[in-house]
Amino acid sequence: MTRSRLFQTFAYLFLGLMLSGCLEDECDATQTYTRYDPVYITAEDLRGPLEPLGPQTLEQPGKIYYYKNFLLINEFQKGIHFYDNSDPANPTALS
């Protein structure tokens, strides 16, 4: 045998041994995961006007922002509450 033929034989033998280790693979574990599906809206709904609701009670208030005479209070997954703070002792809920 020539050297190149001998090298080819060992290369194929090595490759065969390396790939044969993957043949007896078994899966004994089960993994669970959370899947989030996208929610789509139409472009008209996205561009439509926002309709503010009346004053509501705060359930899970977040950060508080102060802008001019307004208090803006963020609520998790609900929106933003607007308060008139022209009288700081008695803020009035707007929407």
PDB file of N, CA and C in Angstrom:
ATOM      1  N   MET A   1       0.839  -1.186   0.000  1.00  0.00           N
ATOM      2  CA  MET A   1       0.000   0.000   0.000  1.00  0.00           C
ATOM      3  C   MET A   1       0.874   1.234   0.000  1.00  0.00           C
ATOM      4  N   THR A   2       0.403   2.197  -0.696  1.00  0.00           N
ATOM      5  CA  THR A   2       1.131   3.450  -0.693  1.00  0.00           C
ATOM      6  C   THR A   2       0.741   4.253   0.529  1.00  0.00           C
ATOM      7  N   ARG A   3       1.493   5.293   0.801  1.00  0.00           N
ATOM      8  CA  ARG A   3       1.215   6.113   1.992  1.00  0.00           C
ATOM      9  C   ARG A   3      -0.141   6.800   1.905  1.00  0.00           C
ATOM     10  N   SER A   4      -0.488   7.301   0.747  1.00  0.00           N
ATOM     11  CA  SER A   4      -1.767   7.996   0.625  1.00  0.00           C
ATOM     12  C   SER A   4      -2.925   7.019   0.805  1.00  0.00           C
ATOM     13  N   ARG A   5      -2.793   5.811   0.299  1.00  0.00           N
ATOM     14  CA  ARG A   5      -3.838   4.801   0.457  1.00  0.00           C
ATOM     15  C   ARG A   5      -3.948   4.394   1.926  1.00  0.00           C
ATOM     16  N   LEU A   6      -2.831   4.257   2.621  1.00  0.00           N
ATOM     17  CA  LEU A   6      -2.824   3.921   4.043  1.00  0.00           C
ATOM     18  C   LEU A   6      -3.443   5.061   4.868  1.00  0.00           C
ATOM     19  N   PHE A   7      -3.117   6.289   4.530  1.00  0.00           N
ATOM     20  CA  PHE A   7      -3.693   7.453   5.217  1.00  0.00           C
ATOM     21  C   PHE A   7      -5.201   7.501   5.004  1.00  0.00           C
ATOM     22  N   GLN A   8      -5.668   7.224   3.789  1.00  0.00           N
ATOM     23  CA  GLN A   8      -7.097   7.211   3.501  1.00  0.00           C
ATOM     24  C   GLN A   8      -7.801   6.142   4.317  1.00  0.00           C
ATOM     25  N   THR A   9      -7.215   4.988   4.438  1.00  0.00           N
ATOM     26  CA  THR A   9      -7.822   3.893   5.189  1.00  0.00           C
ATOM     27  C   THR A   9      -7.959   4.265   6.665  1.00  0.00           C
ATOM     28  N   PHE A  10      -6.918   4.821   7.232  1.00  0.00           N
ATOM     29  CA  PHE A  10      -6.995   5.236   8.643  1.00  0.00           C
ATOM     30  C   PHE A  10      -7.970   6.402   8.840  1.00  0.00           C
ATOM     31  N   ALA A  11      -8.042   7.286   7.889  1.00  0.00           N
ATOM     32  CA  ALA A  11      -8.974   8.403   7.983  1.00  0.00           C
ATOM     33  C   ALA A  11     -10.412   7.904   7.972  1.00  0.00           C
ATOM     34  N   TYR A  12     -10.741   6.968   7.077  1.00  0.00           N
ATOM     35  CA  TYR A  12     -12.094   6.411   7.028  1.00  0.00           C
ATOM     36  C   TYR A  12     -12.405   5.605   8.284  1.00  0.00           C
ATOM     37  N   LEU A  13     -11.443   4.866   8.774  1.00  0.00           N
ATOM     38  CA  LEU A  13     -11.626   4.100   9.998  1.00  0.00           C
ATOM     39  C   LEU A  13     -11.873   5.035  11.188  1.00  0.00           C
ATOM     40  N   PHE A  14     -11.074   6.077  11.303  1.00  0.00           N
ATOM     41  CA  PHE A  14     -11.241   7.059  12.374  1.00  0.00           C
ATOM     42  C   PHE A  14     -12.598   7.758  12.275  1.00  0.00           C
ATOM     43  N   LEU A  15     -12.983   8.147  11.075  1.00  0.00           N
ATOM     44  CA  LEU A  15     -14.268   8.817  10.867  1.00  0.00           C
ATOM     45  C   LEU A  15     -15.419   7.877  11.205  1.00  0.00           C
ATOM     46  N   GLY A  16     -15.319   6.632  10.833  1.00  0.00           N
ATOM     47  CA  GLY A  16     -16.360   5.655  11.146  1.00  0.00           C
ATOM     48  C   GLY A  16     -16.509   5.441  12.637  1.00  0.00           C
ATOM     49  N   LEU A  17     -15.383   5.373  13.354  1.00  0.00           N
ATOM     50  CA  LEU A  17     -15.445   5.206  14.809  1.00  0.00           C
ATOM     51  C   LEU A  17     -16.035   6.425  15.503  1.00  0.00           C
ATOM     52  N   MET A  18     -15.700   7.593  15.008  1.00  0.00           N
ATOM     53  CA  MET A  18     -16.221   8.825  15.621  1.00  0.00           C
ATOM     54  C   MET A  18     -17.726   8.966  15.404  1.00  0.00           C
ATOM     55  N   LEU A  19     -18.212   8.628  14.237  1.00  0.00           N
ATOM     56  CA  LEU A  19     -19.635   8.778  13.946  1.00  0.00           C
ATOM     57  C   LEU A  19     -20.482   7.657  14.516  1.00  0.00           C
ATOM     58  N   SER A  20     -19.915   6.515  14.823  1.00  0.00           N
ATOM     59  CA  SER A  20     -20.694   5.401  15.353  1.00  0.00           C
ATOM     60  C   SER A  20     -21.064   5.624  16.816  1.00  0.00           C
ATOM     61  N   GLY A  21     -20.425   6.542  17.499  1.00  0.00           N
ATOM     62  CA  GLY A  21     -20.745   6.819  18.898  1.00  0.00           C
ATOM     63  C   GLY A  21     -22.080   7.505  19.062  1.00  0.00           C
ATOM     64  N   CYS A  22     -22.630   8.083  18.019  1.00  0.00           N
ATOM     65  CA  CYS A  22     -23.897   8.807  18.099  1.00  0.00           C
ATOM     66  C   CYS A  22     -25.095   7.916  17.804  1.00  0.00           C
ATOM     67  N   LEU A  23     -24.894   6.673  17.474  1.00  0.00           N
ATOM     68  CA  LEU A  23     -25.999   5.831  17.041  1.00  0.00           C
ATOM     69  C   LEU A  23     -26.859   5.326  18.189  1.00  0.00           C
ATOM     70  N   GLU A  24     -26.358   5.229  19.400  1.00  0.00           N
ATOM     71  CA  GLU A  24     -27.095   4.666  20.519  1.00  0.00           C
ATOM     72  C   GLU A  24     -27.607   5.753  21.459  1.00  0.00           C
ATOM     73  N   ASP A  25     -28.059   6.848  20.926  1.00  0.00           N
ATOM     74  CA  ASP A  25     -28.518   7.972  21.732  1.00  0.00           C
ATOM     75  C   ASP A  25     -29.959   7.749  22.172  1.00  0.00           C
ATOM     76  N   GLU A  26     -30.241   7.853  23.467  1.00  0.00           N
ATOM     77  CA  GLU A  26     -31.590   7.726  23.999  1.00  0.00           C
ATOM     78  C   GLU A  26     -31.906   8.946  24.850  1.00  0.00           C
ATOM     79  N   CYS A  27     -33.146   9.373  24.817  1.00  0.00           N
ATOM     80  CA  CYS A  27     -33.572  10.551  25.588  1.00  0.00           C
ATOM     81  C   CYS A  27     -34.453  10.087  26.733  1.00  0.00           C
ATOM     82  N   ASP A  28     -34.015  10.341  27.958  1.00  0.00           N
ATOM     83  CA  ASP A  28     -34.772   9.939  29.134  1.00  0.00           C
ATOM     84  C   ASP A  28     -35.383  11.139  29.855  1.00  0.00           C
ATOM     85  N   ALA A  29     -35.009  12.343  29.494  1.00  0.00           N
ATOM     86  CA  ALA A  29     -35.481  13.533  30.197  1.00  0.00           C
ATOM     87  C   ALA A  29     -36.523  14.273  29.354  1.00  0.00           C
ATOM     88  N   THR A  30     -37.455  14.912  30.034  1.00  0.00           N
ATOM     89  CA  THR A  30     -38.458  15.735  29.376  1.00  0.00           C
ATOM     90  C   THR A  30     -38.299  17.162  29.872  1.00  0.00           C
ATOM     91  N   GLN A  31     -38.219  18.088  28.952  1.00  0.00           N
ATOM     92  CA  GLN A  31     -38.076  19.490  29.325  1.00  0.00           C
ATOM     93  C   GLN A  31     -39.369  20.225  29.002  1.00  0.00           C
ATOM     94  N   THR A  32     -39.796  21.101  29.920  1.00  0.00           N
ATOM     95  CA  THR A  32     -40.964  21.933  29.684  1.00  0.00           C
ATOM     96  C   THR A  32     -40.503  23.364  29.508  1.00  0.00           C
ATOM     97  N   TYR A  33     -41.261  24.124  28.761  1.00  0.00           N
ATOM     98  CA  TYR A  33     -40.925  25.519  28.509  1.00  0.00           C
ATOM     99  C   TYR A  33     -42.197  26.311  28.302  1.00  0.00           C
ATOM    100  N   THR A  34     -42.084  27.611  28.396  1.00  0.00           N
ATOM    101  CA  THR A  34     -43.201  28.520  28.177  1.00  0.00           C
ATOM    102  C   THR A  34     -43.098  29.085  26.776  1.00  0.00           C
ATOM    103  N   ARG A  35     -44.190  29.046  26.070  1.00  0.00           N
ATOM    104  CA  ARG A  35     -44.219  29.550  24.700  1.00  0.00           C
ATOM    105  C   ARG A  35     -45.094  30.789  24.653  1.00  0.00           C
ATOM    106  N   TYR A  36     -44.572  31.847  24.073  1.00  0.00           N
ATOM    107  CA  TYR A  36     -45.314  33.088  23.909  1.00  0.00           C
ATOM    108  C   TYR A  36     -45.678  33.253  22.441  1.00  0.00           C
ATOM    109  N   ASP A  37     -46.961  33.333  22.155  1.00  0.00           N
ATOM    110  CA  ASP A  37     -47.422  33.545  20.792  1.00  0.00           C
ATOM    111  C   ASP A  37     -47.686  35.035  20.593  1.00  0.00           C
ATOM    112  N   PRO A  38     -47.326  35.576  19.438  1.00  0.00           N
ATOM    113  CA  PRO A  38     -47.538  36.994  19.197  1.00  0.00           C
ATOM    114  C   PRO A  38     -49.031  37.318  19.032  1.00  0.00           C
ATOM    115  N   VAL A  39     -49.402  38.494  19.477  1.00  0.00           N
ATOM    116  CA  VAL A  39     -50.768  38.983  19.315  1.00  0.00           C
ATOM    117  C   VAL A  39     -50.702  40.107  18.299  1.00  0.00           C
ATOM    118  N   TYR A  40     -51.435  39.954  17.222  1.00  0.00           N
ATOM    119  CA  TYR A  40     -51.389  40.931  16.139  1.00  0.00           C
ATOM    120  C   TYR A  40     -52.633  41.812  16.169  1.00  0.00           C
ATOM    121  N   ILE A  41     -52.451  43.080  15.833  1.00  0.00           N
ATOM    122  CA  ILE A  41     -53.574  43.985  15.646  1.00  0.00           C
ATOM    123  C   ILE A  41     -53.432  44.622  14.273  1.00  0.00           C
ATOM    124  N   THR A  42     -54.516  45.157  13.784  1.00  0.00           N
ATOM    125  CA  THR A  42     -54.469  45.785  12.471  1.00  0.00           C
ATOM    126  C   THR A  42     -53.844  47.169  12.588  1.00  0.00           C
ATOM    127  N   ALA A  43     -53.403  47.693  11.462  1.00  0.00           N
ATOM    128  CA  ALA A  43     -52.782  49.025  11.452  1.00  0.00           C
ATOM    129  C   ALA A  43     -53.806  50.101  11.822  1.00  0.00           C
ATOM    130  N   GLU A  44     -55.059  49.894  11.438  1.00  0.00           N
ATOM    131  CA  GLU A  44     -56.102  50.879  11.782  1.00  0.00           C
ATOM    132  C   GLU A  44     -56.318  50.947  13.290  1.00  0.00           C
ATOM    133  N   ASP A  45     -56.267  49.783  13.950  1.00  0.00           N
ATOM    134  CA  ASP A  45     -56.414  49.774  15.407  1.00  0.00           C
ATOM    135  C   ASP A  45     -55.223  50.438  16.087  1.00  0.00           C
ATOM    136  N   LEU A  46     -54.058  50.268  15.519  1.00  0.00           N
ATOM    137  CA  LEU A  46     -52.858  50.866  16.091  1.00  0.00           C
ATOM    138  C   LEU A  46     -52.879  52.381  15.945  1.00  0.00           C
ATOM    139  N   ARG A  47     -53.346  52.863  14.813  1.00  0.00           N
ATOM    140  CA  ARG A  47     -53.362  54.302  14.545  1.00  0.00           C
ATOM    141  C   ARG A  47     -54.609  54.989  15.098  1.00  0.00           C
ATOM    142  N   GLY A  48     -55.548  54.225  15.600  1.00  0.00           N
ATOM    143  CA  GLY A  48     -56.788  54.793  16.110  1.00  0.00           C
ATOM    144  C   GLY A  48     -56.556  55.645  17.344  1.00  0.00           C
ATOM    145  N   PRO A  49     -57.554  56.455  17.685  1.00  0.00           N
ATOM    146  CA  PRO A  49     -57.396  57.340  18.851  1.00  0.00           C
ATOM    147  C   PRO A  49     -57.407  56.556  20.160  1.00  0.00           C
ATOM    148  N   LEU A  50     -56.696  57.075  21.136  1.00  0.00           N
ATOM    149  CA  LEU A  50     -56.693  56.487  22.473  1.00  0.00           C
ATOM    150  C   LEU A  50     -57.910  57.000  23.227  1.00  0.00           C
ATOM    151  N   GLU A  51     -58.538  56.134  23.952  1.00  0.00           N
ATOM    152  CA  GLU A  51     -59.706  56.520  24.727  1.00  0.00           C
ATOM    153  C   GLU A  51     -59.360  56.435  26.214  1.00  0.00           C
ATOM    154  N   PRO A  52     -59.184  57.577  26.853  1.00  0.00           N
ATOM    155  CA  PRO A  52     -58.849  57.532  28.286  1.00  0.00           C
ATOM    156  C   PRO A  52     -60.059  57.095  29.105  1.00  0.00           C
ATOM    157  N   LEU A  53     -59.804  56.317  30.121  1.00  0.00           N
ATOM    158  CA  LEU A  53     -60.849  55.882  31.043  1.00  0.00           C
ATOM    159  C   LEU A  53     -60.936  56.877  32.185  1.00  0.00           C
ATOM    160  N   GLY A  54     -61.976  56.773  32.934  1.00  0.00           N
ATOM    161  CA  GLY A  54     -62.121  57.633  34.100  1.00  0.00           C
ATOM    162  C   GLY A  54     -61.133  57.240  35.188  1.00  0.00           C
ATOM    163  N   PRO A  55     -61.109  58.000  36.287  1.00  0.00           N
ATOM    164  CA  PRO A  55     -60.185  57.680  37.387  1.00  0.00           C
ATOM    165  C   PRO A  55     -60.454  56.286  37.945  1.00  0.00           C
ATOM    166  N   GLN A  56     -59.384  55.542  38.185  1.00  0.00           N
ATOM    167  CA  GLN A  56     -59.477  54.200  38.753  1.00  0.00           C
ATOM    168  C   GLN A  56     -58.542  54.090  39.938  1.00  0.00           C
ATOM    169  N   THR A  57     -58.778  53.106  40.766  1.00  0.00           N
ATOM    170  CA  THR A  57     -57.930  52.928  41.945  1.00  0.00           C
ATOM    171  C   THR A  57     -56.604  52.296  41.534  1.00  0.00           C
ATOM    172  N   LEU A  58     -55.581  52.605  42.275  1.00  0.00           N
ATOM    173  CA  LEU A  58     -54.254  52.032  42.030  1.00  0.00           C
ATOM    174  C   LEU A  58     -54.171  50.677  42.707  1.00  0.00           C
ATOM    175  N   GLU A  59     -53.771  49.655  41.939  1.00  0.00           N
ATOM    176  CA  GLU A  59     -53.626  48.312  42.502  1.00  0.00           C
ATOM    177  C   GLU A  59     -52.164  47.930  42.664  1.00  0.00           C
ATOM    178  N   GLN A  60     -51.357  48.162  41.631  1.00  0.00           N
ATOM    179  CA  GLN A  60     -49.926  47.876  41.686  1.00  0.00           C
ATOM    180  C   GLN A  60     -49.177  49.093  41.160  1.00  0.00           C
ATOM    181  N   PRO A  61     -49.095  50.161  41.926  1.00  0.00           N
ATOM    182  CA  PRO A  61     -48.430  51.364  41.412  1.00  0.00           C
ATOM    183  C   PRO A  61     -46.941  51.138  41.213  1.00  0.00           C
ATOM    184  N   GLY A  62     -46.432  51.790  40.181  1.00  0.00           N
ATOM    185  CA  GLY A  62     -45.006  51.692  39.872  1.00  0.00           C
ATOM    186  C   GLY A  62     -44.327  53.021  40.130  1.00  0.00           C
ATOM    187  N   LYS A  63     -43.556  53.460  39.171  1.00  0.00           N
ATOM    188  CA  LYS A  63     -42.816  54.708  39.321  1.00  0.00           C
ATOM    189  C   LYS A  63     -43.748  55.912  39.217  1.00  0.00           C
ATOM    190  N   ILE A  64     -43.361  56.976  39.902  1.00  0.00           N
ATOM    191  CA  ILE A  64     -44.132  58.221  39.899  1.00  0.00           C
ATOM    192  C   ILE A  64     -43.295  59.288  39.206  1.00  0.00           C
ATOM    193  N   TYR A  65     -43.910  59.955  38.244  1.00  0.00           N
ATOM    194  CA  TYR A  65     -43.252  61.027  37.506  1.00  0.00           C
ATOM    195  C   TYR A  65     -44.008  62.322  37.757  1.00  0.00           C
ATOM    196  N   TYR A  66     -43.276  63.415  37.793  1.00  0.00           N
ATOM    197  CA  TYR A  66     -43.870  64.732  37.993  1.00  0.00           C
ATOM    198  C   TYR A  66     -43.584  65.570  36.764  1.00  0.00           C
ATOM    199  N   TYR A  67     -44.646  66.098  36.122  1.00  0.00           N
ATOM    200  CA  TYR A  67     -44.494  66.926  34.934  1.00  0.00           C
ATOM    201  C   TYR A  67     -45.425  68.115  35.073  1.00  0.00           C
ATOM    202  N   LYS A  68     -44.852  69.313  35.111  1.00  0.00           N
ATOM    203  CA  LYS A  68     -45.586  70.567  35.332  1.00  0.00           C
ATOM    204  C   LYS A  68     -46.454  70.411  36.573  1.00  0.00           C
ATOM    205  N   ASN A  69     -47.762  70.450  36.465  1.00  0.00           N
ATOM    206  CA  ASN A  69     -48.638  70.290  37.628  1.00  0.00           C
ATOM    207  C   ASN A  69     -49.328  68.928  37.629  1.00  0.00           C
ATOM    208  N   PHE A  70     -48.703  67.939  37.013  1.00  0.00           N
ATOM    209  CA  PHE A  70     -49.319  66.619  36.927  1.00  0.00           C
ATOM    210  C   PHE A  70     -48.430  65.571  37.580  1.00  0.00           C
ATOM    211  N   LEU A  71     -49.072  64.596  38.200  1.00  0.00           N
ATOM    212  CA  LEU A  71     -48.405  63.399  38.674  1.00  0.00           C
ATOM    213  C   LEU A  71     -48.777  62.280  37.708  1.00  0.00           C
ATOM    214  N   LEU A  72     -47.800  61.579  37.210  1.00  0.00           N
ATOM    215  CA  LEU A  72     -48.030  60.451  36.314  1.00  0.00           C
ATOM    216  C   LEU A  72     -47.550  59.201  37.048  1.00  0.00           C
ATOM    217  N   ILE A  73     -48.464  58.279  37.320  1.00  0.00           N
ATOM    218  CA  ILE A  73     -48.127  57.071  38.071  1.00  0.00           C
ATOM    219  C   ILE A  73     -48.320  55.874  37.154  1.00  0.00           C
ATOM    220  N   ASN A  74     -47.253  55.136  36.960  1.00  0.00           N
ATOM    221  CA  ASN A  74     -47.280  53.953  36.107  1.00  0.00           C
ATOM    222  C   ASN A  74     -47.848  52.781  36.891  1.00  0.00           C
ATOM    223  N   GLU A  75     -48.704  51.989  36.231  1.00  0.00           N
ATOM    224  CA  GLU A  75     -49.221  50.777  36.852  1.00  0.00           C
ATOM    225  C   GLU A  75     -48.940  49.606  35.929  1.00  0.00           C
ATOM    226  N   PHE A  76     -48.401  48.535  36.474  1.00  0.00           N
ATOM    227  CA  PHE A  76     -47.948  47.381  35.698  1.00  0.00           C
ATOM    228  C   PHE A  76     -49.099  46.797  34.880  1.00  0.00           C
ATOM    229  N   GLN A  77     -48.933  46.734  33.579  1.00  0.00           N
ATOM    230  CA  GLN A  77     -49.853  46.172  32.596  1.00  0.00           C
ATOM    231  C   GLN A  77     -51.230  46.810  32.618  1.00  0.00           C
ATOM    232  N   LYS A  78     -51.357  48.006  33.134  1.00  0.00           N
ATOM    233  CA  LYS A  78     -52.639  48.704  33.142  1.00  0.00           C
ATOM    234  C   LYS A  78     -52.549  50.007  32.369  1.00  0.00           C
ATOM    235  N   GLY A  79     -51.520  50.785  32.614  1.00  0.00           N
ATOM    236  CA  GLY A  79     -51.390  52.069  31.946  1.00  0.00           C
ATOM    237  C   GLY A  79     -50.820  53.116  32.876  1.00  0.00           C
ATOM    238  N   ILE A  80     -51.170  54.369  32.582  1.00  0.00           N
ATOM    239  CA  ILE A  80     -50.649  55.501  33.348  1.00  0.00           C
ATOM    240  C   ILE A  80     -51.828  56.246  33.957  1.00  0.00           C
ATOM    241  N   HIS A  81     -51.722  56.541  35.228  1.00  0.00           N
ATOM    242  CA  HIS A  81     -52.743  57.317  35.936  1.00  0.00           C
ATOM    243  C   HIS A  81     -52.289  58.772  35.984  1.00  0.00           C
ATOM    244  N   PHE A  82     -53.195  59.681  35.646  1.00  0.00           N
ATOM    245  CA  PHE A  82     -52.904  61.120  35.656  1.00  0.00           C
ATOM    246  C   PHE A  82     -53.600  61.759  36.844  1.00  0.00           C
ATOM    247  N   TYR A  83     -52.828  62.554  37.599  1.00  0.00           N
ATOM    248  CA  TYR A  83     -53.362  63.288  38.746  1.00  0.00           C
ATOM    249  C   TYR A  83     -53.011  64.758  38.587  1.00  0.00           C
ATOM    250  N   ASP A  84     -53.974  65.628  38.906  1.00  0.00           N
ATOM    251  CA  ASP A  84     -53.727  67.065  38.911  1.00  0.00           C
ATOM    252  C   ASP A  84     -53.114  67.413  40.265  1.00  0.00           C
ATOM    253  N   ASN A  85     -51.897  67.956  40.238  1.00  0.00           N
ATOM    254  CA  ASN A  85     -51.168  68.223  41.472  1.00  0.00           C
ATOM    255  C   ASN A  85     -50.990  69.725  41.692  1.00  0.00           C
ATOM    256  N   SER A  86     -51.950  70.534  41.219  1.00  0.00           N
ATOM    257  CA  SER A  86     -51.825  71.973  41.456  1.00  0.00           C
ATOM    258  C   SER A  86     -51.981  72.280  42.943  1.00  0.00           C
ATOM    259  N   ASP A  87     -52.719  71.453  43.688  1.00  0.00           N
ATOM    260  CA  ASP A  87     -52.788  71.545  45.145  1.00  0.00           C
ATOM    261  C   ASP A  87     -52.108  70.297  45.705  1.00  0.00           C
ATOM    262  N   PRO A  88     -50.809  70.348  46.063  1.00  0.00           N
ATOM    263  CA  PRO A  88     -50.092  69.145  46.496  1.00  0.00           C
ATOM    264  C   PRO A  88     -50.688  68.450  47.713  1.00  0.00           C
ATOM    265  N   ALA A  89     -51.427  69.165  48.538  1.00  0.00           N
ATOM    266  CA  ALA A  89     -52.036  68.529  49.710  1.00  0.00           C
ATOM    267  C   ALA A  89     -53.227  67.672  49.305  1.00  0.00           C
ATOM    268  N   ASN A  90     -53.815  67.948  48.136  1.00  0.00           N
ATOM    269  CA  ASN A  90     -55.000  67.227  47.704  1.00  0.00           C
ATOM    270  C   ASN A  90     -54.941  66.978  46.193  1.00  0.00           C
ATOM    271  N   PRO A  91     -54.156  65.995  45.706  1.00  0.00           N
ATOM    272  CA  PRO A  91     -54.111  65.726  44.273  1.00  0.00           C
ATOM    273  C   PRO A  91     -55.445  65.131  43.772  1.00  0.00           C
ATOM    274  N   THR A  92     -55.854  65.555  42.598  1.00  0.00           N
ATOM    275  CA  THR A  92     -57.128  65.123  42.036  1.00  0.00           C
ATOM    276  C   THR A  92     -56.877  64.140  40.889  1.00  0.00           C
ATOM    277  N   ALA A  93     -57.567  63.003  40.928  1.00  0.00           N
ATOM    278  CA  ALA A  93     -57.427  61.992  39.870  1.00  0.00           C
ATOM    279  C   ALA A  93     -58.138  62.473  38.615  1.00  0.00           C
ATOM    280  N   LEU A  94     -57.418  62.496  37.500  1.00  0.00           N
ATOM    281  CA  LEU A  94     -58.028  62.919  36.231  1.00  0.00           C
ATOM    282  C   LEU A  94     -58.443  61.730  35.382  1.00  0.00           C
ATOM    283  N   SER A  95     -57.498  60.852  35.089  1.00  0.00           N
ATOM    284  CA  SER A  95     -57.820  59.665  34.280  1.00  0.00           C
ATOM    285  C   SER A  95     -56.746  58.617  34.473  1.00  0.00           C
TER     286      SER A  95
END
